[in-house]
Full PDB file with SEQRES, HELIX, SHEET, SSBOND, CRYST1, ORIGX, SCALE, CONECT and MASTER records, all heavy atoms in Angstrom:
SEQRES   1 A   38  VAL THR ALA GLY MET MET ILE ALA ILE LEU ALA LEU ILE          
SEQRES   2 A   38  GLN PRO LEU LEU HIS TRP ILE ASP ARG PRO ILE TYR GLU          
SEQRES   3 A   38  GLU HIS ILE VAL LEU LEU TYR TRP ALA LEU GLY VAL              
HELIX    1 AA1 THR A    2  ILE A   20  1                                  19    
HELIX    2 AA2 PRO A   23  GLU A   27  1                                   5    
HELIX    3 AA3 ILE A   29  GLY A   37  1                                   9    
CRYST1    1.000    1.000    1.000  90.00  90.00  90.00 P 1           1          
ORIGX1      1.000000  0.000000  0.000000        0.00000                         
ORIGX2      0.000000  1.000000  0.000000        0.00000                         
ORIGX3      0.000000  0.000000  1.000000        0.00000                         
SCALE1      1.000000  0.000000  0.000000        0.00000                         
SCALE2      0.000000  1.000000  0.000000        0.00000                         
SCALE3      0.000000  0.000000  1.000000        0.00000                         
ATOM      1  N   VAL A   1      -5.112   7.199  15.379  1.00  0.00           N  
ATOM      2  CA  VAL A   1      -5.872   6.379  14.269  1.00  0.00           C  
ATOM      3  C   VAL A   1      -5.180   6.570  12.980  1.00  0.00           C  
ATOM      4  O   VAL A   1      -4.938   5.513  12.288  1.00  0.00           O  
ATOM      5  CB  VAL A   1      -7.336   6.741  14.257  1.00  0.00           C  
ATOM      6  CG1 VAL A   1      -7.991   6.132  13.093  1.00  0.00           C  
ATOM      7  CG2 VAL A   1      -7.975   6.379  15.543  1.00  0.00           C  
ATOM      8  N   THR A   2      -4.795   7.714  12.590  1.00  0.00           N  
ATOM      9  CA  THR A   2      -4.141   7.876  11.190  1.00  0.00           C  
ATOM     10  C   THR A   2      -2.859   7.180  11.174  1.00  0.00           C  
ATOM     11  O   THR A   2      -2.593   6.516  10.194  1.00  0.00           O  
ATOM     12  CB  THR A   2      -3.965   9.345  10.893  1.00  0.00           C  
ATOM     13  OG1 THR A   2      -5.298  10.127  10.945  1.00  0.00           O  
ATOM     14  CG2 THR A   2      -3.262   9.732   9.586  1.00  0.00           C  
ATOM     15  N   ALA A   3      -2.095   7.296  12.201  1.00  0.00           N  
ATOM     16  CA  ALA A   3      -0.691   6.699  12.233  1.00  0.00           C  
ATOM     17  C   ALA A   3      -0.878   5.233  12.246  1.00  0.00           C  
ATOM     18  O   ALA A   3      -0.066   4.496  11.608  1.00  0.00           O  
ATOM     19  CB  ALA A   3       0.144   7.091  13.567  1.00  0.00           C  
ATOM     20  N   GLY A   4      -1.799   4.720  13.049  1.00  0.00           N  
ATOM     21  CA  GLY A   4      -2.062   3.241  13.069  1.00  0.00           C  
ATOM     22  C   GLY A   4      -2.529   2.740  11.752  1.00  0.00           C  
ATOM     23  O   GLY A   4      -2.036   1.665  11.333  1.00  0.00           O  
ATOM     24  N   MET A   5      -3.420   3.458  11.032  1.00  0.00           N  
ATOM     25  CA  MET A   5      -3.872   3.022   9.716  1.00  0.00           C  
ATOM     26  C   MET A   5      -2.699   3.001   8.743  1.00  0.00           C  
ATOM     27  O   MET A   5      -2.666   2.006   7.978  1.00  0.00           O  
ATOM     28  CB  MET A   5      -4.985   3.882   9.266  1.00  0.00           C  
ATOM     29  CG  MET A   5      -6.324   3.700  10.006  1.00  0.00           C  
ATOM     30  SD  MET A   5      -7.577   4.713   9.414  1.00  0.00           S  
ATOM     31  CE  MET A   5      -7.874   4.213   7.791  1.00  0.00           C  
ATOM     32  N   MET A   6      -1.935   4.054   8.812  1.00  0.00           N  
ATOM     33  CA  MET A   6      -0.739   4.144   7.888  1.00  0.00           C  
ATOM     34  C   MET A   6       0.289   2.976   8.121  1.00  0.00           C  
ATOM     35  O   MET A   6       0.746   2.412   7.085  1.00  0.00           O  
ATOM     36  CB  MET A   6      -0.107   5.447   7.864  1.00  0.00           C  
ATOM     37  CG  MET A   6      -0.962   6.613   7.523  1.00  0.00           C  
ATOM     38  SD  MET A   6      -0.221   8.263   7.678  1.00  0.00           S  
ATOM     39  CE  MET A   6       0.857   8.308   6.327  1.00  0.00           C  
ATOM     40  N   ILE A   7       0.492   2.804   9.309  1.00  0.00           N  
ATOM     41  CA  ILE A   7       1.502   1.662   9.735  1.00  0.00           C  
ATOM     42  C   ILE A   7       0.930   0.308   9.190  1.00  0.00           C  
ATOM     43  O   ILE A   7       1.653  -0.537   8.598  1.00  0.00           O  
ATOM     44  CB  ILE A   7       1.806   1.689  11.240  1.00  0.00           C  
ATOM     45  CG1 ILE A   7       2.641   2.806  11.493  1.00  0.00           C  
ATOM     46  CG2 ILE A   7       2.546   0.407  11.608  1.00  0.00           C  
ATOM     47  CD1 ILE A   7       2.705   3.131  13.044  1.00  0.00           C  
ATOM     48  N   ALA A   8      -0.371   0.100   9.434  1.00  0.00           N  
ATOM     49  CA  ALA A   8      -1.092  -1.263   9.071  1.00  0.00           C  
ATOM     50  C   ALA A   8      -1.007  -1.301   7.433  1.00  0.00           C  
ATOM     51  O   ALA A   8      -0.641  -2.392   6.979  1.00  0.00           O  
ATOM     52  CB  ALA A   8      -2.389  -1.272   9.509  1.00  0.00           C  
ATOM     53  N   ILE A   9      -1.367  -0.225   6.875  1.00  0.00           N  
ATOM     54  CA  ILE A   9      -1.306  -0.289   5.277  1.00  0.00           C  
ATOM     55  C   ILE A   9       0.049  -0.530   4.807  1.00  0.00           C  
ATOM     56  O   ILE A   9       0.310  -1.428   3.934  1.00  0.00           O  
ATOM     57  CB  ILE A   9      -1.938   1.036   4.775  1.00  0.00           C  
ATOM     58  CG1 ILE A   9      -3.444   1.216   5.031  1.00  0.00           C  
ATOM     59  CG2 ILE A   9      -1.597   1.151   3.285  1.00  0.00           C  
ATOM     60  CD1 ILE A   9      -4.002   2.467   4.836  1.00  0.00           C  
ATOM     61  N   LEU A  10       1.001   0.104   5.236  1.00  0.00           N  
ATOM     62  CA  LEU A  10       2.400  -0.006   4.890  1.00  0.00           C  
ATOM     63  C   LEU A  10       2.992  -1.469   5.257  1.00  0.00           C  
ATOM     64  O   LEU A  10       3.792  -2.037   4.436  1.00  0.00           O  
ATOM     65  CB  LEU A  10       3.348   1.004   5.469  1.00  0.00           C  
ATOM     66  CG  LEU A  10       3.110   2.428   4.958  1.00  0.00           C  
ATOM     67  CD1 LEU A  10       3.893   3.457   5.803  1.00  0.00           C  
ATOM     68  CD2 LEU A  10       3.464   2.585   3.464  1.00  0.00           C  
ATOM     69  N   ALA A  11       2.565  -1.974   6.328  1.00  0.00           N  
ATOM     70  CA  ALA A  11       2.910  -3.246   6.732  1.00  0.00           C  
ATOM     71  C   ALA A  11       2.379  -4.433   5.873  1.00  0.00           C  
ATOM     72  O   ALA A  11       2.850  -5.388   5.660  1.00  0.00           O  
ATOM     73  CB  ALA A  11       2.662  -3.605   8.124  1.00  0.00           C  
ATOM     74  N   LEU A  12       1.138  -4.110   5.426  1.00  0.00           N  
ATOM     75  CA  LEU A  12       0.312  -5.186   4.701  1.00  0.00           C  
ATOM     76  C   LEU A  12       0.305  -5.072   3.219  1.00  0.00           C  
ATOM     77  O   LEU A  12      -0.120  -5.981   2.556  1.00  0.00           O  
ATOM     78  CB  LEU A  12      -1.107  -5.201   5.250  1.00  0.00           C  
ATOM     79  CG  LEU A  12      -1.352  -5.545   6.787  1.00  0.00           C  
ATOM     80  CD1 LEU A  12      -2.842  -5.239   7.093  1.00  0.00           C  
ATOM     81  CD2 LEU A  12      -0.879  -7.042   6.984  1.00  0.00           C  
ATOM     82  N   ILE A  13       0.783  -3.965   2.665  1.00  0.00           N  
ATOM     83  CA  ILE A  13       0.616  -3.760   1.297  1.00  0.00           C  
ATOM     84  C   ILE A  13       1.440  -4.742   0.386  1.00  0.00           C  
ATOM     85  O   ILE A  13       0.931  -5.301  -0.565  1.00  0.00           O  
ATOM     86  CB  ILE A  13       0.903  -2.363   0.785  1.00  0.00           C  
ATOM     87  CG1 ILE A  13       0.527  -1.983  -0.609  1.00  0.00           C  
ATOM     88  CG2 ILE A  13       2.324  -1.895   1.017  1.00  0.00           C  
ATOM     89  CD1 ILE A  13      -0.941  -2.307  -0.985  1.00  0.00           C  
ATOM     90  N   GLN A  14       2.656  -5.051   0.732  1.00  0.00           N  
ATOM     91  CA  GLN A  14       3.418  -5.912   0.043  1.00  0.00           C  
ATOM     92  C   GLN A  14       2.934  -7.294   0.028  1.00  0.00           C  
ATOM     93  O   GLN A  14       2.767  -8.006  -1.087  1.00  0.00           O  
ATOM     94  CB  GLN A  14       4.981  -5.891   0.436  1.00  0.00           C  
ATOM     95  CG  GLN A  14       5.609  -4.534   0.015  1.00  0.00           C  
ATOM     96  CD  GLN A  14       5.626  -4.248  -1.471  1.00  0.00           C  
ATOM     97  OE1 GLN A  14       5.661  -5.212  -2.330  1.00  0.00           O  
ATOM     98  NE2 GLN A  14       5.411  -3.114  -1.690  1.00  0.00           N  
ATOM     99  N   PRO A  15       2.552  -7.884   1.165  1.00  0.00           N  
ATOM    100  CA  PRO A  15       1.888  -9.270   1.154  1.00  0.00           C  
ATOM    101  C   PRO A  15       0.628  -9.343   0.392  1.00  0.00           C  
ATOM    102  O   PRO A  15       0.323 -10.193  -0.389  1.00  0.00           O  
ATOM    103  CB  PRO A  15       1.724  -9.640   2.653  1.00  0.00           C  
ATOM    104  CG  PRO A  15       2.744  -8.696   3.395  1.00  0.00           C  
ATOM    105  CD  PRO A  15       2.757  -7.458   2.560  1.00  0.00           C  
ATOM    106  N   LEU A  16      -0.139  -8.219   0.497  1.00  0.00           N  
ATOM    107  CA  LEU A  16      -1.365  -8.106  -0.239  1.00  0.00           C  
ATOM    108  C   LEU A  16      -1.154  -8.147  -1.721  1.00  0.00           C  
ATOM    109  O   LEU A  16      -1.851  -8.824  -2.502  1.00  0.00           O  
ATOM    110  CB  LEU A  16      -2.191  -6.963   0.201  1.00  0.00           C  
ATOM    111  CG  LEU A  16      -3.510  -6.676  -0.504  1.00  0.00           C  
ATOM    112  CD1 LEU A  16      -4.458  -7.883  -0.240  1.00  0.00           C  
ATOM    113  CD2 LEU A  16      -4.202  -5.429  -0.103  1.00  0.00           C  
ATOM    114  N   LEU A  17      -0.272  -7.242  -2.268  1.00  0.00           N  
ATOM    115  CA  LEU A  17       0.202  -7.216  -3.614  1.00  0.00           C  
ATOM    116  C   LEU A  17       0.653  -8.611  -4.129  1.00  0.00           C  
ATOM    117  O   LEU A  17       0.317  -8.951  -5.256  1.00  0.00           O  
ATOM    118  CB  LEU A  17       1.095  -6.121  -3.950  1.00  0.00           C  
ATOM    119  CG  LEU A  17       0.670  -4.628  -3.727  1.00  0.00           C  
ATOM    120  CD1 LEU A  17       1.757  -3.686  -3.846  1.00  0.00           C  
ATOM    121  CD2 LEU A  17      -0.574  -4.505  -4.598  1.00  0.00           C  
ATOM    122  N   HIS A  18       1.490  -9.191  -3.315  1.00  0.00           N  
ATOM    123  CA  HIS A  18       2.001 -10.530  -3.725  1.00  0.00           C  
ATOM    124  C   HIS A  18       0.744 -11.523  -3.784  1.00  0.00           C  
ATOM    125  O   HIS A  18       0.757 -12.379  -4.758  1.00  0.00           O  
ATOM    126  CB  HIS A  18       2.948 -11.057  -2.666  1.00  0.00           C  
ATOM    127  CG  HIS A  18       3.555 -12.430  -3.053  1.00  0.00           C  
ATOM    128  ND1 HIS A  18       4.439 -12.537  -4.069  1.00  0.00           N  
ATOM    129  CD2 HIS A  18       3.343 -13.563  -2.436  1.00  0.00           C  
ATOM    130  CE1 HIS A  18       4.626 -13.808  -4.129  1.00  0.00           C  
ATOM    131  NE2 HIS A  18       4.037 -14.496  -3.149  1.00  0.00           N  
ATOM    132  N   TRP A  19      -0.151 -11.563  -2.951  1.00  0.00           N  
ATOM    133  CA  TRP A  19      -1.247 -12.367  -2.976  1.00  0.00           C  
ATOM    134  C   TRP A  19      -2.217 -12.204  -4.184  1.00  0.00           C  
ATOM    135  O   TRP A  19      -2.626 -13.082  -4.730  1.00  0.00           O  
ATOM    136  CB  TRP A  19      -2.057 -12.254  -1.594  1.00  0.00           C  
ATOM    137  CG  TRP A  19      -3.165 -13.131  -1.470  1.00  0.00           C  
ATOM    138  CD1 TRP A  19      -3.179 -14.449  -1.508  1.00  0.00           C  
ATOM    139  CD2 TRP A  19      -4.595 -12.706  -1.412  1.00  0.00           C  
ATOM    140  NE1 TRP A  19      -4.512 -14.927  -1.230  1.00  0.00           N  
ATOM    141  CE2 TRP A  19      -5.348 -13.877  -1.284  1.00  0.00           C  
ATOM    142  CE3 TRP A  19      -5.239 -11.457  -1.396  1.00  0.00           C  
ATOM    143  CZ2 TRP A  19      -6.747 -13.791  -1.167  1.00  0.00           C  
ATOM    144  CZ3 TRP A  19      -6.630 -11.488  -1.207  1.00  0.00           C  
ATOM    145  CH2 TRP A  19      -7.311 -12.579  -1.159  1.00  0.00           C  
ATOM    146  N   ILE A  20      -2.481 -10.907  -4.499  1.00  0.00           N  
ATOM    147  CA  ILE A  20      -3.338 -10.748  -5.710  1.00  0.00           C  
ATOM    148  C   ILE A  20      -2.677 -10.884  -6.911  1.00  0.00           C  
ATOM    149  O   ILE A  20      -3.372 -10.966  -8.025  1.00  0.00           O  
ATOM    150  CB  ILE A  20      -4.127  -9.377  -5.507  1.00  0.00           C  
ATOM    151  CG1 ILE A  20      -3.091  -8.161  -5.579  1.00  0.00           C  
ATOM    152  CG2 ILE A  20      -5.093  -9.295  -4.349  1.00  0.00           C  
ATOM    153  CD1 ILE A  20      -3.803  -6.851  -5.632  1.00  0.00           C  
ATOM    154  N   ASP A  21      -1.367 -10.674  -6.954  1.00  0.00           N  
ATOM    155  CA  ASP A  21      -0.561 -10.921  -8.190  1.00  0.00           C  
ATOM    156  C   ASP A  21      -1.021 -10.107  -9.411  1.00  0.00           C  
ATOM    157  O   ASP A  21      -1.314 -10.730 -10.448  1.00  0.00           O  
ATOM    158  CB  ASP A  21      -0.509 -12.535  -8.490  1.00  0.00           C  
ATOM    159  CG  ASP A  21       0.543 -12.796  -9.467  1.00  0.00           C  
ATOM    160  OD1 ASP A  21       1.578 -12.111  -9.505  1.00  0.00           O  
ATOM    161  OD2 ASP A  21       0.376 -13.762 -10.279  1.00  0.00           O  
ATOM    162  N   ARG A  22      -1.074  -8.923  -9.262  1.00  0.00           N  
ATOM    163  CA  ARG A  22      -1.325  -7.860 -10.269  1.00  0.00           C  
ATOM    164  C   ARG A  22      -0.187  -6.966 -10.363  1.00  0.00           C  
ATOM    165  O   ARG A  22      -0.109  -5.957  -9.614  1.00  0.00           O  
ATOM    166  CB  ARG A  22      -2.671  -7.105  -9.972  1.00  0.00           C  
ATOM    167  CG  ARG A  22      -3.842  -7.954  -9.965  1.00  0.00           C  
ATOM    168  CD  ARG A  22      -4.392  -8.213 -11.319  1.00  0.00           C  
ATOM    169  NE  ARG A  22      -5.521  -9.139 -11.398  1.00  0.00           N  
ATOM    170  CZ  ARG A  22      -6.853  -8.796 -11.341  1.00  0.00           C  
ATOM    171  NH1 ARG A  22      -7.165  -7.515 -11.313  1.00  0.00           N  
ATOM    172  NH2 ARG A  22      -7.669  -9.747 -11.450  1.00  0.00           N  
ATOM    173  N   PRO A  23       0.680  -7.159 -11.296  1.00  0.00           N  
ATOM    174  CA  PRO A  23       1.891  -6.326 -11.353  1.00  0.00           C  
ATOM    175  C   PRO A  23       1.712  -4.751 -11.540  1.00  0.00           C  
ATOM    176  O   PRO A  23       2.453  -3.898 -11.056  1.00  0.00           O  
ATOM    177  CB  PRO A  23       2.671  -6.859 -12.594  1.00  0.00           C  
ATOM    178  CG  PRO A  23       2.155  -8.263 -12.738  1.00  0.00           C  
ATOM    179  CD  PRO A  23       0.787  -8.268 -12.149  1.00  0.00           C  
ATOM    180  N   ILE A  24       0.526  -4.531 -12.110  1.00  0.00           N  
ATOM    181  CA  ILE A  24       0.139  -3.119 -12.336  1.00  0.00           C  
ATOM    182  C   ILE A  24       0.062  -2.265 -11.055  1.00  0.00           C  
ATOM    183  O   ILE A  24       0.471  -1.163 -11.025  1.00  0.00           O  
ATOM    184  CB  ILE A  24      -1.075  -2.904 -13.275  1.00  0.00           C  
ATOM    185  CG1 ILE A  24      -1.286  -1.453 -13.684  1.00  0.00           C  
ATOM    186  CG2 ILE A  24      -2.320  -3.419 -12.505  1.00  0.00           C  
ATOM    187  CD1 ILE A  24      -0.955  -1.192 -15.099  1.00  0.00           C  
ATOM    188  N   TYR A  25      -0.307  -2.960 -10.055  1.00  0.00           N  
ATOM    189  CA  TYR A  25      -0.521  -2.268  -8.668  1.00  0.00           C  
ATOM    190  C   TYR A  25       0.835  -2.009  -8.111  1.00  0.00           C  
ATOM    191  O   TYR A  25       1.021  -0.981  -7.492  1.00  0.00           O  
ATOM    192  CB  TYR A  25      -1.262  -3.056  -7.656  1.00  0.00           C  
ATOM    193  CG  TYR A  25      -2.795  -3.227  -8.099  1.00  0.00           C  
ATOM    194  CD1 TYR A  25      -3.475  -4.428  -8.068  1.00  0.00           C  
ATOM    195  CD2 TYR A  25      -3.545  -2.140  -8.494  1.00  0.00           C  
ATOM    196  CE1 TYR A  25      -4.732  -4.559  -8.364  1.00  0.00           C  
ATOM    197  CE2 TYR A  25      -4.852  -2.196  -8.906  1.00  0.00           C  
ATOM    198  CZ  TYR A  25      -5.508  -3.363  -8.734  1.00  0.00           C  
ATOM    199  OH  TYR A  25      -6.774  -3.608  -9.077  1.00  0.00           O  
ATOM    200  N   GLU A  26       1.766  -2.992  -8.261  1.00  0.00           N  
ATOM    201  CA  GLU A  26       3.065  -2.758  -7.789  1.00  0.00           C  
ATOM    202  C   GLU A  26       3.823  -1.662  -8.517  1.00  0.00           C  
ATOM    203  O   GLU A  26       4.611  -0.909  -8.088  1.00  0.00           O  
ATOM    204  CB  GLU A  26       3.905  -4.068  -7.862  1.00  0.00           C  
ATOM    205  CG  GLU A  26       3.474  -4.997  -6.833  1.00  0.00           C  
ATOM    206  CD  GLU A  26       4.341  -6.280  -6.604  1.00  0.00           C  
ATOM    207  OE1 GLU A  26       5.540  -5.997  -6.564  1.00  0.00           O  
ATOM    208  OE2 GLU A  26       3.854  -7.300  -6.656  1.00  0.00           O  
ATOM    209  N   GLU A  27       3.489  -1.612  -9.827  1.00  0.00           N  
ATOM    210  CA  GLU A  27       4.163  -0.518 -10.644  1.00  0.00           C  
ATOM    211  C   GLU A  27       3.752   0.869 -10.253  1.00  0.00           C  
ATOM    212  O   GLU A  27       4.449   1.814 -10.448  1.00  0.00           O  
ATOM    213  CB  GLU A  27       3.766  -0.841 -12.231  1.00  0.00           C  
ATOM    214  CG  GLU A  27       4.403  -1.888 -12.848  1.00  0.00           C  
ATOM    215  CD  GLU A  27       3.871  -2.290 -14.231  1.00  0.00           C  
ATOM    216  OE1 GLU A  27       3.383  -1.235 -14.869  1.00  0.00           O  
ATOM    217  OE2 GLU A  27       3.783  -3.417 -14.608  1.00  0.00           O  
ATOM    218  N   HIS A  28       2.519   0.946  -9.755  1.00  0.00           N  
ATOM    219  CA  HIS A  28       2.063   2.246  -9.389  1.00  0.00           C  
ATOM    220  C   HIS A  28       1.870   2.430  -7.735  1.00  0.00           C  
ATOM    221  O   HIS A  28       1.032   3.262  -7.366  1.00  0.00           O  
ATOM    222  CB  HIS A  28       0.650   2.498 -10.019  1.00  0.00           C  
ATOM    223  CG  HIS A  28       0.747   2.501 -11.489  1.00  0.00           C  
ATOM    224  ND1 HIS A  28       1.300   3.598 -12.176  1.00  0.00           N  
ATOM    225  CD2 HIS A  28       0.328   1.676 -12.428  1.00  0.00           C  
ATOM    226  CE1 HIS A  28       1.215   3.342 -13.499  1.00  0.00           C  
ATOM    227  NE2 HIS A  28       0.690   2.141 -13.710  1.00  0.00           N  
ATOM    228  N   ILE A  29       2.803   1.779  -7.049  1.00  0.00           N  
ATOM    229  CA  ILE A  29       2.716   1.841  -5.692  1.00  0.00           C  
ATOM    230  C   ILE A  29       2.888   3.209  -5.100  1.00  0.00           C  
ATOM    231  O   ILE A  29       2.350   3.565  -4.064  1.00  0.00           O  
ATOM    232  CB  ILE A  29       3.674   0.765  -5.008  1.00  0.00           C  
ATOM    233  CG1 ILE A  29       3.464   0.686  -3.438  1.00  0.00           C  
ATOM    234  CG2 ILE A  29       5.100   1.296  -5.288  1.00  0.00           C  
ATOM    235  CD1 ILE A  29       2.378  -0.176  -3.234  1.00  0.00           C  
ATOM    236  N   VAL A  30       3.624   4.023  -5.814  1.00  0.00           N  
ATOM    237  CA  VAL A  30       3.872   5.373  -5.480  1.00  0.00           C  
ATOM    238  C   VAL A  30       2.502   6.154  -5.242  1.00  0.00           C  
ATOM    239  O   VAL A  30       2.515   7.004  -4.366  1.00  0.00           O  
ATOM    240  CB  VAL A  30       4.808   6.114  -6.452  1.00  0.00           C  
ATOM    241  CG1 VAL A  30       4.059   6.399  -7.767  1.00  0.00           C  
ATOM    242  CG2 VAL A  30       5.265   7.436  -5.915  1.00  0.00           C  
ATOM    243  N   LEU A  31       1.465   5.782  -5.936  1.00  0.00           N  
ATOM    244  CA  LEU A  31       0.176   6.404  -5.842  1.00  0.00           C  
ATOM    245  C   LEU A  31      -0.358   6.154  -4.451  1.00  0.00           C  
ATOM    246  O   LEU A  31      -0.972   7.023  -3.710  1.00  0.00           O  
ATOM    247  CB  LEU A  31      -0.850   5.953  -6.876  1.00  0.00           C  
ATOM    248  CG  LEU A  31      -0.401   6.282  -8.340  1.00  0.00           C  
ATOM    249  CD1 LEU A  31      -1.499   5.646  -9.205  1.00  0.00           C  
ATOM    250  CD2 LEU A  31      -0.440   7.827  -8.484  1.00  0.00           C  
ATOM    251  N   LEU A  32       0.014   4.958  -3.844  1.00  0.00           N  
ATOM    252  CA  LEU A  32      -0.534   4.628  -2.492  1.00  0.00           C  
ATOM    253  C   LEU A  32       0.190   5.595  -1.438  1.00  0.00           C  
ATOM    254  O   LEU A  32      -0.550   6.087  -0.607  1.00  0.00           O  
ATOM    255  CB  LEU A  32      -0.230   3.266  -2.149  1.00  0.00           C  
ATOM    256  CG  LEU A  32      -0.405   2.831  -0.687  1.00  0.00           C  
ATOM    257  CD1 LEU A  32      -1.889   2.854  -0.366  1.00  0.00           C  
ATOM    258  CD2 LEU A  32       0.164   1.392  -0.374  1.00  0.00           C  
ATOM    259  N   TYR A  33       1.547   5.763  -1.588  1.00  0.00           N  
ATOM    260  CA  TYR A  33       2.256   6.659  -0.686  1.00  0.00           C  
ATOM    261  C   TYR A  33       1.669   8.085  -0.678  1.00  0.00           C  
ATOM    262  O   TYR A  33       1.492   8.695   0.345  1.00  0.00           O  
ATOM    263  CB  TYR A  33       3.655   6.616  -0.978  1.00  0.00           C  
ATOM    264  CG  TYR A  33       4.274   5.292  -0.963  1.00  0.00           C  
ATOM    265  CD1 TYR A  33       5.150   4.709  -1.972  1.00  0.00           C  
ATOM    266  CD2 TYR A  33       3.852   4.340   0.076  1.00  0.00           C  
ATOM    267  CE1 TYR A  33       5.629   3.530  -1.844  1.00  0.00           C  
ATOM    268  CE2 TYR A  33       4.387   3.055   0.066  1.00  0.00           C  
ATOM    269  CZ  TYR A  33       5.248   2.638  -1.004  1.00  0.00           C  
ATOM    270  OH  TYR A  33       5.704   1.291  -0.829  1.00  0.00           O  
ATOM    271  N   TRP A  34       1.369   8.548  -1.880  1.00  0.00           N  
ATOM    272  CA  TRP A  34       0.751   9.920  -1.965  1.00  0.00           C  
ATOM    273  C   TRP A  34      -0.658   9.865  -1.364  1.00  0.00           C  
ATOM    274  O   TRP A  34      -1.119  10.858  -0.685  1.00  0.00           O  
ATOM    275  CB  TRP A  34       0.636  10.411  -3.434  1.00  0.00           C  
ATOM    276  CG  TRP A  34       1.973  10.924  -3.893  1.00  0.00           C  
ATOM    277  CD1 TRP A  34       2.850  10.293  -4.739  1.00  0.00           C  
ATOM    278  CD2 TRP A  34       2.626  12.176  -3.613  1.00  0.00           C  
ATOM    279  NE1 TRP A  34       3.904  11.068  -5.015  1.00  0.00           N  
ATOM    280  CE2 TRP A  34       3.867  12.091  -4.226  1.00  0.00           C  
ATOM    281  CE3 TRP A  34       2.223  13.231  -2.775  1.00  0.00           C  
ATOM    282  CZ2 TRP A  34       4.788  13.281  -4.132  1.00  0.00           C  
ATOM    283  CZ3 TRP A  34       3.096  14.277  -2.672  1.00  0.00           C  
ATOM    284  CH2 TRP A  34       4.372  14.339  -3.250  1.00  0.00           C  
ATOM    285  N   ALA A  35      -1.456   8.837  -1.522  1.00  0.00           N  
ATOM    286  CA  ALA A  35      -2.679   8.763  -0.953  1.00  0.00           C  
ATOM    287  C   ALA A  35      -2.617   8.755   0.600  1.00  0.00           C  
ATOM    288  O   ALA A  35      -3.539   9.358   1.356  1.00  0.00           O  
ATOM    289  CB  ALA A  35      -3.539   7.457  -1.406  1.00  0.00           C  
ATOM    290  N   LEU A  36      -1.563   8.148   1.103  1.00  0.00           N  
ATOM    291  CA  LEU A  36      -1.433   8.131   2.579  1.00  0.00           C  
ATOM    292  C   LEU A  36      -1.119   9.544   3.045  1.00  0.00           C  
ATOM    293  O   LEU A  36      -1.553   9.938   4.086  1.00  0.00           O  
ATOM    294  CB  LEU A  36      -0.332   7.205   2.943  1.00  0.00           C  
ATOM    295  CG  LEU A  36      -0.640   5.661   2.760  1.00  0.00           C  
ATOM    296  CD1 LEU A  36       0.651   4.856   3.123  1.00  0.00           C  
ATOM    297  CD2 LEU A  36      -1.804   5.373   3.645  1.00  0.00           C  
ATOM    298  N   GLY A  37      -0.371  10.298   2.308  1.00  0.00           N  
ATOM    299  CA  GLY A  37      -0.070  11.710   2.619  1.00  0.00           C  
ATOM    300  C   GLY A  37      -1.323  12.532   2.588  1.00  0.00           C  
ATOM    301  O   GLY A  37      -1.464  13.235   3.513  1.00  0.00           O  
ATOM    302  N   VAL A  38      -2.208  12.236   1.647  1.00  0.00           N  
ATOM    303  CA  VAL A  38      -3.491  12.973   1.550  1.00  0.00           C  
ATOM    304  C   VAL A  38      -4.285  12.648   2.834  1.00  0.00           C  
ATOM    305  O   VAL A  38      -4.928  13.427   3.410  1.00  0.00           O  
ATOM    306  CB  VAL A  38      -4.306  12.588   0.273  1.00  0.00           C  
ATOM    307  CG1 VAL A  38      -5.626  13.166   0.356  1.00  0.00           C  
ATOM    308  CG2 VAL A  38      -3.588  13.092  -0.958  1.00  0.00           C  
TER     309      VAL A  38                                                      
MASTER        0    0    0    3    0    0    0    6  308    1    0    3          
END                                                                             
């Protein structure tokens, strides 16, 4: 379940960020990667 969720998040994050068009989220994408580690 953890691996599946991580794969889904990593696969969908870029299209989602493009869709919401908020550059601040892309600037801080590294926080997402750390959150996935947590």
